[in-house]
Amino acid sequence: MIIDTHHPQTGVVLKGHILLLPETRGSGGTPGGIAEAVRLQTGPLGIIMTTPDINLAVGTQVAAALYGRACPVIVVTPADYDRLTRCAELTIMRDGTVAG
């Protein structure tokens, strides 16, 4: 769930969705938070962004290693990101490509 009170989508549940965000604003607690959300299956199915984020990558890798649960983090170009934001449905393929 988006809990940032300044975010226009506050309260939106991320479970079962692919999260599109250009970049993160975050803290060092992100790896544990994303790993726990993936473990509990309350987090997104995958994350697509334009700027790599080590904290998200570490958290999703921890979830994969400890809990056997995947949440791919994909970095795309700004042009691809803009195109993907207009898609009604997205799928992250096993090879990391995004179909939409």
Protein backbone atom coordinates (compact mmCIF):
# COMPACT_ATOMS: atom_id res chain seq x y z
CA MET A 1 0.00 0.00 0.00
CA ILE A 2 1.21 3.49 -0.76
CA ILE A 3 1.54 5.24 2.60
CA ASP A 4 3.17 8.55 1.60
CA THR A 5 0.54 11.12 2.59
CA HIS A 6 1.79 13.50 -0.12
CA HIS A 7 1.46 10.92 -2.90
CA PRO A 8 -1.58 11.30 -5.18
CA GLN A 9 -2.28 7.55 -4.89
CA THR A 10 -2.08 7.27 -1.09
CA GLY A 11 -3.93 4.17 0.05
CA VAL A 12 -3.64 2.29 -3.25
CA VAL A 13 -2.83 -1.39 -2.71
CA LEU A 14 0.15 -2.65 -4.74
CA LYS A 15 -0.50 -6.36 -4.29
CA GLY A 16 -0.94 -8.08 -7.62
CA HIS A 17 0.23 -5.12 -9.67
CA ILE A 18 3.41 -4.09 -11.44
CA LEU A 19 4.68 -0.88 -9.90
CA LEU A 20 5.88 1.84 -12.27
CA LEU A 21 7.97 4.54 -10.67
CA PRO A 22 10.65 6.67 -12.27
CA GLU A 23 12.81 6.76 -9.15
CA THR A 24 12.62 6.27 -5.42
CA ARG A 25 12.74 8.56 -2.47
CA GLY A 26 13.85 6.40 0.26
CA SER A 27 15.69 5.30 3.26
CA GLY A 28 17.98 2.51 4.28
CA GLY A 29 14.93 0.59 5.50
CA THR A 30 13.75 -0.08 1.95
CA PRO A 31 15.47 -3.48 1.53
CA GLY A 32 13.75 -4.92 4.60
CA GLY A 33 10.42 -3.37 3.71
CA ILE A 34 10.32 -4.69 0.16
CA ALA A 35 11.64 -8.12 1.23
CA GLU A 36 8.90 -8.39 3.83
CA ALA A 37 6.19 -7.26 1.41
CA VAL A 38 7.35 -9.85 -1.11
CA ARG A 39 7.50 -12.54 1.59
CA LEU A 40 3.96 -11.77 2.74
CA GLN A 41 2.77 -11.44 -0.85
CA THR A 42 1.45 -7.96 -0.17
CA GLY A 43 3.93 -6.18 -2.43
CA PRO A 44 3.98 -5.61 -6.17
CA LEU A 45 4.53 -8.40 -8.70
CA GLY A 46 7.40 -6.41 -10.17
CA ILE A 47 8.90 -2.93 -10.29
CA ILE A 48 9.76 -0.94 -13.41
CA MET A 49 11.81 2.24 -13.07
CA THR A 50 14.13 4.57 -14.98
CA THR A 51 16.74 5.03 -12.27
CA PRO A 52 18.39 1.99 -10.66
CA ASP A 53 17.89 1.69 -6.92
CA ILE A 54 20.26 -0.53 -4.95
CA ASN A 55 17.91 -0.74 -1.96
CA LEU A 56 15.03 -2.15 -4.00
CA ALA A 57 17.37 -4.55 -5.77
CA VAL A 58 18.82 -5.80 -2.48
CA GLY A 59 15.37 -6.22 -0.92
CA THR A 60 14.02 -8.23 -3.82
CA GLN A 61 17.15 -10.40 -3.92
CA VAL A 62 16.83 -11.09 -0.20
CA ALA A 63 13.20 -12.14 -0.73
CA ALA A 64 14.26 -14.46 -3.55
CA ALA A 65 17.12 -16.01 -1.57
CA LEU A 66 15.38 -16.40 1.79
CA TYR A 67 11.76 -16.94 0.83
CA GLY A 68 11.88 -18.20 -2.75
CA ARG A 69 9.63 -15.36 -3.89
CA ALA A 70 10.39 -13.22 -6.92
CA CYS A 71 9.77 -9.53 -7.54
CA PRO A 72 11.75 -8.46 -10.59
CA VAL A 73 13.15 -4.93 -10.70
CA ILE A 74 13.52 -3.71 -14.28
CA VAL A 75 15.25 -0.50 -15.37
CA VAL A 76 14.08 0.98 -18.67
CA THR A 77 14.84 4.12 -20.65
CA PRO A 78 12.71 7.21 -19.99
CA ALA A 79 11.13 6.80 -23.46
CA ASP A 80 10.19 3.16 -22.73
CA TYR A 81 8.90 4.16 -19.30
CA ASP A 82 6.67 6.82 -20.84
CA ARG A 83 5.31 4.26 -23.32
CA LEU A 84 4.69 1.69 -20.55
CA THR A 85 2.74 4.18 -18.42
CA ARG A 86 0.14 4.30 -21.18
CA CYS A 87 -0.39 0.51 -21.30
CA ALA A 88 -3.52 -0.97 -19.76
CA GLU A 89 -1.68 -4.19 -18.86
CA LEU A 90 1.97 -5.11 -18.41
CA THR A 91 3.79 -8.41 -18.14
CA ILE A 92 7.39 -8.91 -17.06
CA MET A 93 8.74 -11.91 -18.93
CA ARG A 94 11.22 -14.38 -17.43
CA ASP A 95 14.04 -12.87 -19.50
CA GLY A 96 13.35 -9.39 -18.05
CA THR A 97 11.62 -7.94 -21.07
CA VAL A 98 8.38 -6.07 -20.55
CA ALA A 99 5.33 -6.64 -22.71
CA GLY A 100 2.57 -4.12 -22.71
